[in-house]
Amino acid sequence: MHYKEYGDLHKPLILLIHGGGVGGWMWDKQVLYFSDYHCVVPELIDNEANNTSDFSIEDSAKKLLSIIEEKAKNKRVIVVGFSLGAQIATQMVSLTSFSGSLPLL
């Protein structure tokens, strides 16, 4: 899964998950506003492959949890999801044992 990182890598991590029919670009203004955080903005669908037939909420949630594990390094993590992104965030919580410490917006 492709993603972009913005902001201060030493600050709390905000994962911004876009909704269906849009892309990571939908978070451009939020990334600017939260420049004092470490923002990670994934692209749920690989635009180059342009193949959505193998997309699943559960697989996306697992990939995003792996990104959090790699990038968070014991930092506070805030997950923000819009529409489809919120469904993926909910799935992430169901897959983790640390869901009490994974704030969702």
Protein backbone atom coordinates (compact mmCIF):
# COMPACT_ATOMS: atom_id res chain seq x y z
CA MET A 1 0.00 0.00 0.00
CA HIS A 2 1.37 3.38 -0.99
CA TYR A 3 1.32 6.23 1.51
CA LYS A 4 2.80 9.67 2.05
CA GLU A 5 4.20 11.13 5.24
CA TYR A 6 4.05 14.74 6.35
CA GLY A 7 4.97 16.82 9.36
CA ASP A 8 7.21 16.13 12.34
CA LEU A 9 8.27 12.47 12.46
CA HIS A 10 8.92 12.76 16.22
CA LYS A 11 5.39 13.84 17.11
CA PRO A 12 2.21 11.74 17.57
CA LEU A 13 1.09 9.92 14.43
CA ILE A 14 -2.20 10.74 12.72
CA LEU A 15 -3.34 8.16 10.18
CA LEU A 16 -5.82 9.75 7.73
CA ILE A 17 -7.84 7.13 5.82
CA HIS A 18 -9.81 8.44 2.85
CA GLY A 19 -13.26 7.35 1.74
CA GLY A 20 -14.41 5.56 -1.38
CA GLY A 21 -14.24 7.42 -4.67
CA VAL A 22 -11.56 9.81 -3.43
CA GLY A 23 -7.90 9.52 -2.53
CA GLY A 24 -5.35 10.75 -0.05
CA TRP A 25 -5.60 14.19 -1.65
CA MET A 26 -8.85 14.71 0.26
CA TRP A 27 -6.74 15.28 3.40
CA ASP A 28 -4.53 18.04 1.92
CA LYS A 29 -5.93 20.83 4.11
CA GLN A 30 -5.85 18.70 7.25
CA VAL A 31 -2.21 17.76 6.60
CA LEU A 32 -1.36 21.47 6.41
CA TYR A 33 -3.28 22.20 9.61
CA PHE A 34 -1.68 19.31 11.53
CA SER A 35 1.87 20.03 10.33
CA ASP A 36 3.10 19.71 13.93
CA TYR A 37 2.05 16.02 13.90
CA HIS A 38 3.41 13.06 11.96
CA CYS A 39 0.66 12.54 9.37
CA VAL A 40 0.46 9.34 7.31
CA VAL A 41 -1.91 9.37 4.34
CA PRO A 42 -2.40 6.04 2.55
CA GLU A 43 -3.82 5.39 -0.89
CA LEU A 44 -6.24 2.49 -0.47
CA ILE A 45 -6.30 1.65 -4.17
CA ASP A 46 -3.13 1.45 -6.24
CA ASN A 47 -3.88 3.90 -9.04
CA GLU A 48 -1.23 2.36 -11.29
CA ALA A 49 -2.75 -1.12 -11.05
CA ASN A 50 -6.27 0.36 -11.17
CA ASN A 51 -7.63 -2.98 -9.99
CA THR A 52 -10.25 -2.84 -7.24
CA SER A 53 -11.41 -6.45 -7.55
CA ASP A 54 -9.08 -7.68 -4.81
CA PHE A 55 -9.81 -4.82 -2.38
CA SER A 56 -11.11 -5.75 1.08
CA ILE A 57 -11.70 -3.80 4.26
CA GLU A 58 -9.98 -6.48 6.34
CA ASP A 59 -6.85 -6.59 4.15
CA SER A 60 -6.66 -2.80 4.15
CA ALA A 61 -6.98 -2.76 7.94
CA LYS A 62 -4.16 -5.30 8.29
CA LYS A 63 -1.89 -3.31 5.96
CA LEU A 64 -2.57 -0.09 7.84
CA LEU A 65 -1.87 -1.76 11.18
CA SER A 66 1.48 -2.86 9.77
CA ILE A 67 2.23 0.72 8.75
CA ILE A 68 1.35 1.90 12.26
CA GLU A 69 3.65 -0.72 13.78
CA GLU A 70 6.47 0.40 11.51
CA LYS A 71 5.98 4.16 11.89
CA ALA A 72 4.59 4.74 15.39
CA LYS A 73 7.56 3.49 17.42
CA ASN A 74 5.69 3.85 20.75
CA LYS A 75 4.17 7.21 19.80
CA ARG A 76 0.56 8.11 20.36
CA VAL A 77 -1.55 7.11 17.33
CA ILE A 78 -4.73 8.82 16.19
CA VAL A 79 -6.76 7.22 13.39
CA VAL A 80 -9.15 9.34 11.34
CA GLY A 81 -11.39 7.71 8.77
CA PHE A 82 -13.97 9.14 6.38
CA SER A 83 -16.78 6.91 5.09
CA LEU A 84 -15.02 3.76 3.81
CA GLY A 85 -11.99 4.88 5.81
CA ALA A 86 -14.09 4.81 8.99
CA GLN A 87 -15.16 1.23 8.22
CA ILE A 88 -11.50 0.27 7.82
CA ALA A 89 -10.64 2.03 11.10
CA THR A 90 -13.37 0.06 12.87
CA GLN A 91 -11.95 -3.17 11.42
CA MET A 92 -8.49 -2.13 12.67
CA VAL A 93 -9.83 -1.87 16.20
CA SER A 94 -11.41 -5.33 15.96
CA LEU A 95 -8.06 -6.80 14.88
CA THR A 96 -5.97 -5.30 17.67
CA SER A 97 -5.43 -6.04 21.31
CA PHE A 98 -4.49 -2.39 21.96
CA SER A 99 -7.78 -0.90 20.76
CA GLY A 100 -8.19 0.99 24.04
CA SER A 101 -5.15 3.07 23.12
CA LEU A 102 -6.06 3.62 19.45
CA PRO A 103 -8.13 6.83 19.34
CA LEU A 104 -10.52 6.90 16.41
CA LEU A 105 -12.16 9.99 14.92
